[in-house]
PDB file of all heavy atoms in Angstrom:
ATOM      1  N   LEU A   1      -3.868  15.408  -9.308  1.00  0.00           N
ATOM      2  CA  LEU A   1      -5.085  16.185  -9.496  1.00  0.00           C
ATOM      3  C   LEU A   1      -6.224  15.388  -8.884  1.00  0.00           C
ATOM      4  O   LEU A   1      -6.612  14.347  -9.413  1.00  0.00           O
ATOM      5  CB  LEU A   1      -5.359  16.458 -10.976  1.00  0.00           C
ATOM      6  CG  LEU A   1      -6.571  17.341 -11.262  1.00  0.00           C
ATOM      7  CD1 LEU A   1      -6.301  18.783 -10.810  1.00  0.00           C
ATOM      8  CD2 LEU A   1      -6.940  17.311 -12.743  1.00  0.00           C
ATOM      9  N   GLN A   2      -6.734  15.867  -7.745  1.00  0.00           N
ATOM     10  CA  GLN A   2      -7.853  15.218  -7.075  1.00  0.00           C
ATOM     11  C   GLN A   2      -9.138  15.926  -7.497  1.00  0.00           C
ATOM     12  O   GLN A   2      -9.264  17.135  -7.314  1.00  0.00           O
ATOM     13  CB  GLN A   2      -7.682  15.283  -5.560  1.00  0.00           C
ATOM     14  CG  GLN A   2      -8.811  14.628  -4.773  1.00  0.00           C
ATOM     15  CD  GLN A   2      -8.865  13.134  -4.957  1.00  0.00           C
ATOM     16  OE1 GLN A   2      -7.899  12.436  -4.680  1.00  0.00           O
ATOM     17  NE2 GLN A   2      -9.993  12.630  -5.435  1.00  0.00           N
ATOM     18  N   MET A   3     -10.078  15.174  -8.048  1.00  0.00           N
ATOM     19  CA  MET A   3     -11.308  15.735  -8.584  1.00  0.00           C
ATOM     20  C   MET A   3     -12.501  15.219  -7.779  1.00  0.00           C
ATOM     21  O   MET A   3     -12.686  14.008  -7.650  1.00  0.00           O
ATOM     22  CB  MET A   3     -11.461  15.377 -10.059  1.00  0.00           C
ATOM     23  CG  MET A   3     -10.242  15.747 -10.906  1.00  0.00           C
ATOM     24  SD  MET A   3     -10.473  15.432 -12.680  1.00  0.00           S
ATOM     25  CE  MET A   3     -10.586  13.640 -12.664  1.00  0.00           C
ATOM     26  N   TYR A   4     -13.296  16.151  -7.258  1.00  0.00           N
ATOM     27  CA  TYR A   4     -14.498  15.832  -6.513  1.00  0.00           C
ATOM     28  C   TYR A   4     -15.724  16.399  -7.223  1.00  0.00           C
ATOM     29  O   TYR A   4     -15.624  17.330  -8.016  1.00  0.00           O
ATOM     30  CB  TYR A   4     -14.439  16.423  -5.105  1.00  0.00           C
ATOM     31  CG  TYR A   4     -13.317  15.919  -4.238  1.00  0.00           C
ATOM     32  CD1 TYR A   4     -12.160  16.664  -4.065  1.00  0.00           C
ATOM     33  CD2 TYR A   4     -13.414  14.697  -3.574  1.00  0.00           C
ATOM     34  CE1 TYR A   4     -11.128  16.221  -3.262  1.00  0.00           C
ATOM     35  CE2 TYR A   4     -12.389  14.244  -2.770  1.00  0.00           C
ATOM     36  CZ  TYR A   4     -11.250  15.001  -2.617  1.00  0.00           C
ATOM     37  OH  TYR A   4     -10.227  14.555  -1.819  1.00  0.00           O
ATOM     38  N   ASP A   5     -16.880  15.848  -6.899  1.00  0.00           N
ATOM     39  CA  ASP A   5     -18.154  16.339  -7.434  1.00  0.00           C
ATOM     40  C   ASP A   5     -18.079  16.503  -8.952  1.00  0.00           C
ATOM     41  O   ASP A   5     -18.404  17.559  -9.502  1.00  0.00           O
ATOM     42  CB  ASP A   5     -18.523  17.666  -6.766  1.00  0.00           C
ATOM     43  CG  ASP A   5     -19.944  18.107  -7.073  1.00  0.00           C
ATOM     44  OD1 ASP A   5     -20.794  17.232  -7.370  1.00  0.00           O
ATOM     45  OD2 ASP A   5     -20.216  19.319  -7.015  1.00  0.00           O
ATOM     46  N   LEU A   6     -17.671  15.455  -9.615  1.00  0.00           N
ATOM     47  CA  LEU A   6     -17.496  15.516 -11.064  1.00  0.00           C
ATOM     48  C   LEU A   6     -18.829  15.715 -11.778  1.00  0.00           C
ATOM     49  O   LEU A   6     -19.861  15.193 -11.354  1.00  0.00           O
ATOM     50  CB  LEU A   6     -16.812  14.251 -11.556  1.00  0.00           C
ATOM     51  CG  LEU A   6     -15.311  14.197 -11.254  1.00  0.00           C
ATOM     52  CD1 LEU A   6     -14.791  12.776 -11.360  1.00  0.00           C
ATOM     53  CD2 LEU A   6     -14.556  15.128 -12.205  1.00  0.00           C
ATOM     54  N   LYS A   7     -18.778  16.462 -12.864  1.00  0.00           N
ATOM     55  CA  LYS A   7     -19.943  16.787 -13.666  1.00  0.00           C
ATOM     56  C   LYS A   7     -19.736  16.293 -15.093  1.00  0.00           C
ATOM     57  O   LYS A   7     -18.597  16.141 -15.536  1.00  0.00           O
ATOM     58  CB  LYS A   7     -20.175  18.299 -13.662  1.00  0.00           C
ATOM     59  CG  LYS A   7     -20.300  18.899 -12.267  1.00  0.00           C
ATOM     60  CD  LYS A   7     -20.458  20.412 -12.334  1.00  0.00           C
ATOM     61  CE  LYS A   7     -20.508  21.015 -10.943  1.00  0.00           C
ATOM     62  NZ  LYS A   7     -21.674  20.520 -10.170  1.00  0.00           N
ATOM     63  N   PRO A   8     -20.812  16.056 -15.836  1.00  0.00           N
ATOM     64  CA  PRO A   8     -20.652  15.603 -17.220  1.00  0.00           C
ATOM     65  C   PRO A   8     -19.763  16.516 -18.053  1.00  0.00           C
ATOM     66  O   PRO A   8     -19.037  16.029 -18.926  1.00  0.00           O
ATOM     67  CB  PRO A   8     -22.089  15.580 -17.748  1.00  0.00           C
ATOM     68  CG  PRO A   8     -22.907  15.283 -16.542  1.00  0.00           C
ATOM     69  CD  PRO A   8     -22.237  16.031 -15.424  1.00  0.00           C
ATOM     70  N   GLU A   9     -19.783  17.814 -17.794  1.00  0.00           N
ATOM     71  CA  GLU A   9     -18.942  18.734 -18.545  1.00  0.00           C
ATOM     72  C   GLU A   9     -17.462  18.600 -18.228  1.00  0.00           C
ATOM     73  O   GLU A   9     -16.625  19.219 -18.893  1.00  0.00           O
ATOM     74  CB  GLU A   9     -19.396  20.191 -18.338  1.00  0.00           C
ATOM     75  CG  GLU A   9     -19.492  20.599 -16.875  1.00  0.00           C
ATOM     76  CD  GLU A   9     -20.906  20.505 -16.331  1.00  0.00           C
ATOM     77  OE1 GLU A   9     -21.615  19.530 -16.659  1.00  0.00           O
ATOM     78  OE2 GLU A   9     -21.307  21.413 -15.573  1.00  0.00           O
ATOM     79  N   ASP A  10     -17.109  17.801 -17.219  1.00  0.00           N
ATOM     80  CA  ASP A  10     -15.708  17.507 -16.928  1.00  0.00           C
ATOM     81  C   ASP A  10     -15.157  16.408 -17.828  1.00  0.00           C
ATOM     82  O   ASP A  10     -13.953  16.135 -17.796  1.00  0.00           O
ATOM     83  CB  ASP A  10     -15.528  17.089 -15.470  1.00  0.00           C
ATOM     84  CG  ASP A  10     -15.848  18.204 -14.486  1.00  0.00           C
ATOM     85  OD1 ASP A  10     -15.467  19.359 -14.757  1.00  0.00           O
ATOM     86  OD2 ASP A  10     -16.475  17.913 -13.452  1.00  0.00           O
ATOM     87  N   THR A  11     -16.013  15.760 -18.600  1.00  0.00           N
ATOM     88  CA  THR A  11     -15.579  14.699 -19.498  1.00  0.00           C
ATOM     89  C   THR A  11     -14.571  15.239 -20.504  1.00  0.00           C
ATOM     90  O   THR A  11     -14.850  16.204 -21.220  1.00  0.00           O
ATOM     91  CB  THR A  11     -16.777  14.090 -20.231  1.00  0.00           C
ATOM     92  OG1 THR A  11     -17.621  13.427 -19.288  1.00  0.00           O
ATOM     93  CG2 THR A  11     -16.324  13.086 -21.281  1.00  0.00           C
ATOM     94  N   ALA A  12     -13.396  14.631 -20.549  1.00  0.00           N
ATOM     95  CA  ALA A  12     -12.325  15.109 -21.411  1.00  0.00           C
ATOM     96  C   ALA A  12     -11.120  14.190 -21.285  1.00  0.00           C
ATOM     97  O   ALA A  12     -11.053  13.349 -20.384  1.00  0.00           O
ATOM     98  CB  ALA A  12     -11.915  16.536 -21.026  1.00  0.00           C
ATOM     99  N   THR A  13     -10.168  14.382 -22.182  1.00  0.00           N
ATOM    100  CA  THR A  13      -8.848  13.800 -22.007  1.00  0.00           C
ATOM    101  C   THR A  13      -8.020  14.797 -21.208  1.00  0.00           C
ATOM    102  O   THR A  13      -7.927  15.967 -21.585  1.00  0.00           O
ATOM    103  CB  THR A  13      -8.178  13.499 -23.350  1.00  0.00           C
ATOM    104  OG1 THR A  13      -8.993  12.592 -24.090  1.00  0.00           O
ATOM    105  CG2 THR A  13      -6.811  12.868 -23.136  1.00  0.00           C
ATOM    106  N   TYR A  14      -7.427  14.342 -20.118  1.00  0.00           N
ATOM    107  CA  TYR A  14      -6.664  15.211 -19.232  1.00  0.00           C
ATOM    108  C   TYR A  14      -5.171  15.019 -19.466  1.00  0.00           C
ATOM    109  O   TYR A  14      -4.675  13.892 -19.475  1.00  0.00           O
ATOM    110  CB  TYR A  14      -7.007  14.919 -17.769  1.00  0.00           C
ATOM    111  CG  TYR A  14      -8.339  15.495 -17.349  1.00  0.00           C
ATOM    112  CD1 TYR A  14      -9.531  14.972 -17.839  1.00  0.00           C
ATOM    113  CD2 TYR A  14      -8.404  16.582 -16.479  1.00  0.00           C
ATOM    114  CE1 TYR A  14     -10.751  15.520 -17.482  1.00  0.00           C
ATOM    115  CE2 TYR A  14      -9.625  17.129 -16.110  1.00  0.00           C
ATOM    116  CZ  TYR A  14     -10.796  16.592 -16.617  1.00  0.00           C
ATOM    117  OH  TYR A  14     -12.011  17.125 -16.256  1.00  0.00           O
ATOM    118  N   TYR A  15      -4.463  16.132 -19.631  1.00  0.00           N
ATOM    119  CA  TYR A  15      -3.039  16.123 -19.933  1.00  0.00           C
ATOM    120  C   TYR A  15      -2.246  16.809 -18.834  1.00  0.00           C
ATOM    121  O   TYR A  15      -2.608  17.890 -18.376  1.00  0.00           O
ATOM    122  CB  TYR A  15      -2.762  16.843 -21.255  1.00  0.00           C
ATOM    123  CG  TYR A  15      -3.405  16.203 -22.460  1.00  0.00           C
ATOM    124  CD1 TYR A  15      -4.656  16.615 -22.901  1.00  0.00           C
ATOM    125  CD2 TYR A  15      -2.752  15.192 -23.155  1.00  0.00           C
ATOM    126  CE1 TYR A  15      -5.252  16.038 -24.009  1.00  0.00           C
ATOM    127  CE2 TYR A  15      -3.339  14.608 -24.262  1.00  0.00           C
ATOM    128  CZ  TYR A  15      -4.590  15.034 -24.688  1.00  0.00           C
ATOM    129  OH  TYR A  15      -5.177  14.460 -25.785  1.00  0.00           O
ATOM    130  N   CYS A  16      -1.148  16.193 -18.458  1.00  0.00           N
ATOM    131  CA  CYS A  16      -0.198  16.781 -17.525  1.00  0.00           C
ATOM    132  C   CYS A  16       0.893  17.488 -18.312  1.00  0.00           C
ATOM    133  O   CYS A  16       1.307  17.015 -19.377  1.00  0.00           O
ATOM    134  CB  CYS A  16       0.397  15.674 -16.651  1.00  0.00           C
ATOM    135  SG  CYS A  16       1.633  16.222 -15.462  1.00  0.00           S
ATOM    136  N   ALA A  17       1.361  18.623 -17.800  1.00  0.00           N
ATOM    137  CA  ALA A  17       2.382  19.397 -18.493  1.00  0.00           C
ATOM    138  C   ALA A  17       3.399  19.947 -17.502  1.00  0.00           C
ATOM    139  O   ALA A  17       3.053  20.279 -16.366  1.00  0.00           O
ATOM    140  CB  ALA A  17       1.740  20.549 -19.264  1.00  0.00           C
ATOM    141  N   ALA A  18       4.649  20.051 -17.951  1.00  0.00           N
ATOM    142  CA  ALA A  18       5.738  20.569 -17.130  1.00  0.00           C
ATOM    143  C   ALA A  18       6.411  21.741 -17.813  1.00  0.00           C
ATOM    144  O   ALA A  18       6.625  21.724 -19.032  1.00  0.00           O
ATOM    145  CB  ALA A  18       6.765  19.479 -16.849  1.00  0.00           C
ATOM    146  N   SER A  19       6.729  22.760 -17.024  1.00  0.00           N
ATOM    147  CA  SER A  19       7.505  23.891 -17.500  1.00  0.00           C
ATOM    148  C   SER A  19       8.909  23.805 -16.944  1.00  0.00           C
ATOM    149  O   SER A  19       9.088  23.628 -15.734  1.00  0.00           O
ATOM    150  CB  SER A  19       6.861  25.211 -17.073  1.00  0.00           C
ATOM    151  OG  SER A  19       7.703  26.303 -17.403  1.00  0.00           O
ATOM    152  N   TRP A  20       9.885  23.948 -17.817  1.00  0.00           N
ATOM    153  CA  TRP A  20      11.276  23.920 -17.400  1.00  0.00           C
ATOM    154  C   TRP A  20      11.879  25.310 -17.329  1.00  0.00           C
ATOM    155  O   TRP A  20      13.088  25.458 -17.179  1.00  0.00           O
ATOM    156  CB  TRP A  20      12.083  23.037 -18.356  1.00  0.00           C
ATOM    157  CG  TRP A  20      11.482  21.678 -18.517  1.00  0.00           C
ATOM    158  CD1 TRP A  20      10.887  21.156 -19.627  1.00  0.00           C
ATOM    159  CD2 TRP A  20      11.374  20.661 -17.511  1.00  0.00           C
ATOM    160  NE1 TRP A  20      10.433  19.885 -19.395  1.00  0.00           N
ATOM    161  CE2 TRP A  20      10.717  19.553 -18.098  1.00  0.00           C
ATOM    162  CE3 TRP A  20      11.780  20.576 -16.176  1.00  0.00           C
ATOM    163  CZ2 TRP A  20      10.452  18.375 -17.379  1.00  0.00           C
ATOM    164  CZ3 TRP A  20      11.508  19.413 -15.466  1.00  0.00           C
ATOM    165  CH2 TRP A  20      10.851  18.330 -16.080  1.00  0.00           C
ATOM    166  N   ARG A  21      11.033  26.341 -17.402  1.00  0.00           N
ATOM    167  CA  ARG A  21      11.502  27.709 -17.364  1.00  0.00           C
ATOM    168  C   ARG A  21      10.909  28.531 -16.231  1.00  0.00           C
ATOM    169  O   ARG A  21      11.404  29.626 -15.940  1.00  0.00           O
ATOM    170  CB  ARG A  21      11.186  28.421 -18.685  1.00  0.00           C
ATOM    171  CG  ARG A  21      11.925  27.852 -19.882  1.00  0.00           C
ATOM    172  CD  ARG A  21      11.855  28.812 -21.051  1.00  0.00           C
ATOM    173  NE  ARG A  21      10.514  28.927 -21.597  1.00  0.00           N
ATOM    174  CZ  ARG A  21      10.075  28.256 -22.661  1.00  0.00           C
ATOM    175  NH1 ARG A  21      10.890  27.431 -23.304  1.00  0.00           N
ATOM    176  NH2 ARG A  21       8.835  28.426 -23.084  1.00  0.00           N
ATOM    177  N   MET A  22       9.858  28.041 -15.584  1.00  0.00           N
ATOM    178  CA  MET A  22       9.167  28.820 -14.572  1.00  0.00           C
ATOM    179  C   MET A  22       9.000  28.061 -13.271  1.00  0.00           C
ATOM    180  O   MET A  22       8.853  26.842 -13.253  1.00  0.00           O
ATOM    181  CB  MET A  22       7.778  29.232 -15.066  1.00  0.00           C
ATOM    182  CG  MET A  22       7.750  30.035 -16.336  1.00  0.00           C
ATOM    183  SD  MET A  22       6.052  30.517 -16.749  1.00  0.00           S
ATOM    184  CE  MET A  22       5.273  28.901 -16.794  1.00  0.00           C
ATOM    185  N   ALA A  23       8.981  28.810 -12.188  1.00  0.00           N
ATOM    186  CA  ALA A  23       8.615  28.275 -10.889  1.00  0.00           C
ATOM    187  C   ALA A  23       7.174  28.641 -10.539  1.00  0.00           C
ATOM    188  O   ALA A  23       6.483  27.877  -9.853  1.00  0.00           O
ATOM    189  CB  ALA A  23       9.559  28.792  -9.806  1.00  0.00           C
ATOM    190  N   GLY A  24       6.717  29.800 -11.000  1.00  0.00           N
ATOM    191  CA  GLY A  24       5.366  30.254 -10.746  1.00  0.00           C
ATOM    192  C   GLY A  24       4.361  29.627 -11.702  1.00  0.00           C
ATOM    193  O   GLY A  24       4.719  29.092 -12.752  1.00  0.00           O
ATOM    194  N   THR A  25       3.075  29.723 -11.348  1.00  0.00           N
ATOM    195  CA  THR A  25       2.033  29.096 -12.151  1.00  0.00           C
ATOM    196  C   THR A  25       1.758  29.869 -13.432  1.00  0.00           C
ATOM    197  O   THR A  25       2.015  31.069 -13.536  1.00  0.00           O
ATOM    198  CB  THR A  25       0.727  28.977 -11.360  1.00  0.00           C
ATOM    199  OG1 THR A  25       0.271  30.288 -10.983  1.00  0.00           O
ATOM    200  CG2 THR A  25       0.932  28.139 -10.103  1.00  0.00           C
ATOM    201  N   SER A  26       1.219  29.166 -14.415  1.00  0.00           N
ATOM    202  CA  SER A  26       0.817  29.756 -15.680  1.00  0.00           C
ATOM    203  C   SER A  26      -0.409  29.033 -16.194  1.00  0.00           C
ATOM    204  O   SER A  26      -0.583  27.835 -15.941  1.00  0.00           O
ATOM    205  CB  SER A  26       1.940  29.666 -16.709  1.00  0.00           C
ATOM    206  OG  SER A  26       1.496  30.094 -17.983  1.00  0.00           O
ATOM    207  N   ARG A  27      -1.262  29.759 -16.927  1.00  0.00           N
ATOM    208  CA  ARG A  27      -2.432  29.177 -17.572  1.00  0.00           C
ATOM    209  C   ARG A  27      -2.224  28.974 -19.067  1.00  0.00           C
ATOM    210  O   ARG A  27      -3.134  28.481 -19.747  1.00  0.00           O
ATOM    211  CB  ARG A  27      -3.662  30.065 -17.351  1.00  0.00           C
ATOM    212  CG  ARG A  27      -4.101  30.171 -15.902  1.00  0.00           C
ATOM    213  CD  ARG A  27      -5.378  30.978 -15.774  1.00  0.00           C
ATOM    214  NE  ARG A  27      -5.887  30.983 -14.413  1.00  0.00           N
ATOM    215  CZ  ARG A  27      -7.066  31.457 -14.055  1.00  0.00           C
ATOM    216  NH1 ARG A  27      -7.872  31.973 -14.983  1.00  0.00           N
ATOM    217  NH2 ARG A  27      -7.449  31.419 -12.789  1.00  0.00           N
ATOM    218  N   SER A  28      -1.064  29.329 -19.559  1.00  0.00           N
ATOM    219  CA  SER A  28      -0.787  29.281 -20.986  1.00  0.00           C
ATOM    220  C   SER A  28      -0.091  27.985 -21.368  1.00  0.00           C
ATOM    221  O   SER A  28       0.970  27.652 -20.846  1.00  0.00           O
ATOM    222  CB  SER A  28       0.080  30.472 -21.390  1.00  0.00           C
ATOM    223  OG  SER A  28       0.440  30.394 -22.753  1.00  0.00           O
ATOM    224  N   ALA A  29      -0.683  27.250 -22.312  1.00  0.00           N
ATOM    225  CA  ALA A  29      -0.084  25.997 -22.761  1.00  0.00           C
ATOM    226  C   ALA A  29       1.307  26.212 -23.341  1.00  0.00           C
ATOM    227  O   ALA A  29       2.164  25.325 -23.246  1.00  0.00           O
ATOM    228  CB  ALA A  29      -0.989  25.332 -23.792  1.00  0.00           C
ATOM    229  N   GLY A  30       1.542  27.379 -23.928  1.00  0.00           N
ATOM    230  CA  GLY A  30       2.837  27.666 -24.516  1.00  0.00           C
ATOM    231  C   GLY A  30       3.965  27.781 -23.520  1.00  0.00           C
ATOM    232  O   GLY A  30       5.135  27.758 -23.912  1.00  0.00           O
ATOM    233  N   ASP A  31       3.653  27.906 -22.239  1.00  0.00           N
ATOM    234  CA  ASP A  31       4.677  27.991 -21.208  1.00  0.00           C
ATOM    235  C   ASP A  31       5.161  26.621 -20.748  1.00  0.00           C
ATOM    236  O   ASP A  31       6.080  26.544 -19.933  1.00  0.00           O
ATOM    237  CB  ASP A  31       4.160  28.765 -19.997  1.00  0.00           C
ATOM    238  CG  ASP A  31       4.082  30.261 -20.246  1.00  0.00           C
ATOM    239  OD1 ASP A  31       4.859  30.769 -21.075  1.00  0.00           O
ATOM    240  OD2 ASP A  31       3.242  30.922 -19.604  1.00  0.00           O
ATOM    241  N   PHE A  32       4.553  25.572 -21.272  1.00  0.00           N
ATOM    242  CA  PHE A  32       4.897  24.219 -20.852  1.00  0.00           C
ATOM    243  C   PHE A  32       5.514  23.453 -22.010  1.00  0.00           C
ATOM    244  O   PHE A  32       4.976  23.445 -23.121  1.00  0.00           O
ATOM    245  CB  PHE A  32       3.664  23.495 -20.307  1.00  0.00           C
ATOM    246  CG  PHE A  32       3.111  24.163 -19.084  1.00  0.00           C
ATOM    247  CD1 PHE A  32       2.193  25.198 -19.199  1.00  0.00           C
ATOM    248  CD2 PHE A  32       3.529  23.772 -17.826  1.00  0.00           C
ATOM    249  CE1 PHE A  32       1.705  25.839 -18.068  1.00  0.00           C
ATOM    250  CE2 PHE A  32       3.041  24.406 -16.690  1.00  0.00           C
ATOM    251  CZ  PHE A  32       2.128  25.440 -16.810  1.00  0.00           C
ATOM    252  N   GLN A  33       6.627  22.799 -21.752  1.00  0.00           N
ATOM    253  CA  GLN A  33       7.421  22.175 -22.806  1.00  0.00           C
ATOM    254  C   GLN A  33       7.246  20.666 -22.900  1.00  0.00           C
ATOM    255  O   GLN A  33       7.458  20.093 -23.967  1.00  0.00           O
ATOM    256  CB  GLN A  33       8.908  22.486 -22.602  1.00  0.00           C
ATOM    257  CG  GLN A  33       9.275  23.952 -22.761  1.00  0.00           C
ATOM    258  CD  GLN A  33       8.880  24.782 -21.552  1.00  0.00           C
ATOM    259  OE1 GLN A  33       9.244  24.470 -20.425  1.00  0.00           O
ATOM    260  NE2 GLN A  33       8.118  25.853 -21.788  1.00  0.00           N
ATOM    261  N   SER A  34       6.897  20.008 -21.808  1.00  0.00           N
ATOM    262  CA  SER A  34       6.744  18.559 -21.794  1.00  0.00           C
ATOM    263  C   SER A  34       5.309  18.195 -21.473  1.00  0.00           C
ATOM    264  O   SER A  34       4.708  18.767 -20.558  1.00  0.00           O
ATOM    265  CB  SER A  34       7.682  17.919 -20.765  1.00  0.00           C
ATOM    266  OG  SER A  34       9.040  18.144 -21.104  1.00  0.00           O
ATOM    267  N   TRP A  35       4.780  17.221 -22.208  1.00  0.00           N
ATOM    268  CA  TRP A  35       3.378  16.816 -22.073  1.00  0.00           C
ATOM    269  C   TRP A  35       3.253  15.305 -22.025  1.00  0.00           C
ATOM    270  O   TRP A  35       4.018  14.588 -22.669  1.00  0.00           O
ATOM    271  CB  TRP A  35       2.549  17.335 -23.256  1.00  0.00           C
ATOM    272  CG  TRP A  35       2.463  18.818 -23.317  1.00  0.00           C
ATOM    273  CD1 TRP A  35       3.416  19.689 -23.772  1.00  0.00           C
ATOM    274  CD2 TRP A  35       1.355  19.627 -22.911  1.00  0.00           C
ATOM    275  NE1 TRP A  35       2.972  20.982 -23.670  1.00  0.00           N
ATOM    276  CE2 TRP A  35       1.710  20.977 -23.149  1.00  0.00           C
ATOM    277  CE3 TRP A  35       0.101  19.345 -22.380  1.00  0.00           C
ATOM    278  CZ2 TRP A  35       0.857  22.034 -22.866  1.00  0.00           C
ATOM    279  CZ3 TRP A  35      -0.757  20.394 -22.094  1.00  0.00           C
ATOM    280  CH2 TRP A  35      -0.373  21.720 -22.335  1.00  0.00           C
TER     281      TRP A  35
END
C-alpha cells in the first residue's frame, strides 16, 4: 500500500487482510479470514 499526500485524517492503525474464498475485490471485512 503506497500512500501519497497523507493527511491528518489518515492517522490510524492499518491492517492487512486476506480472503481465501474470493479472487475479486471486496469492501466487506467479513469476506476476509486472515488479518
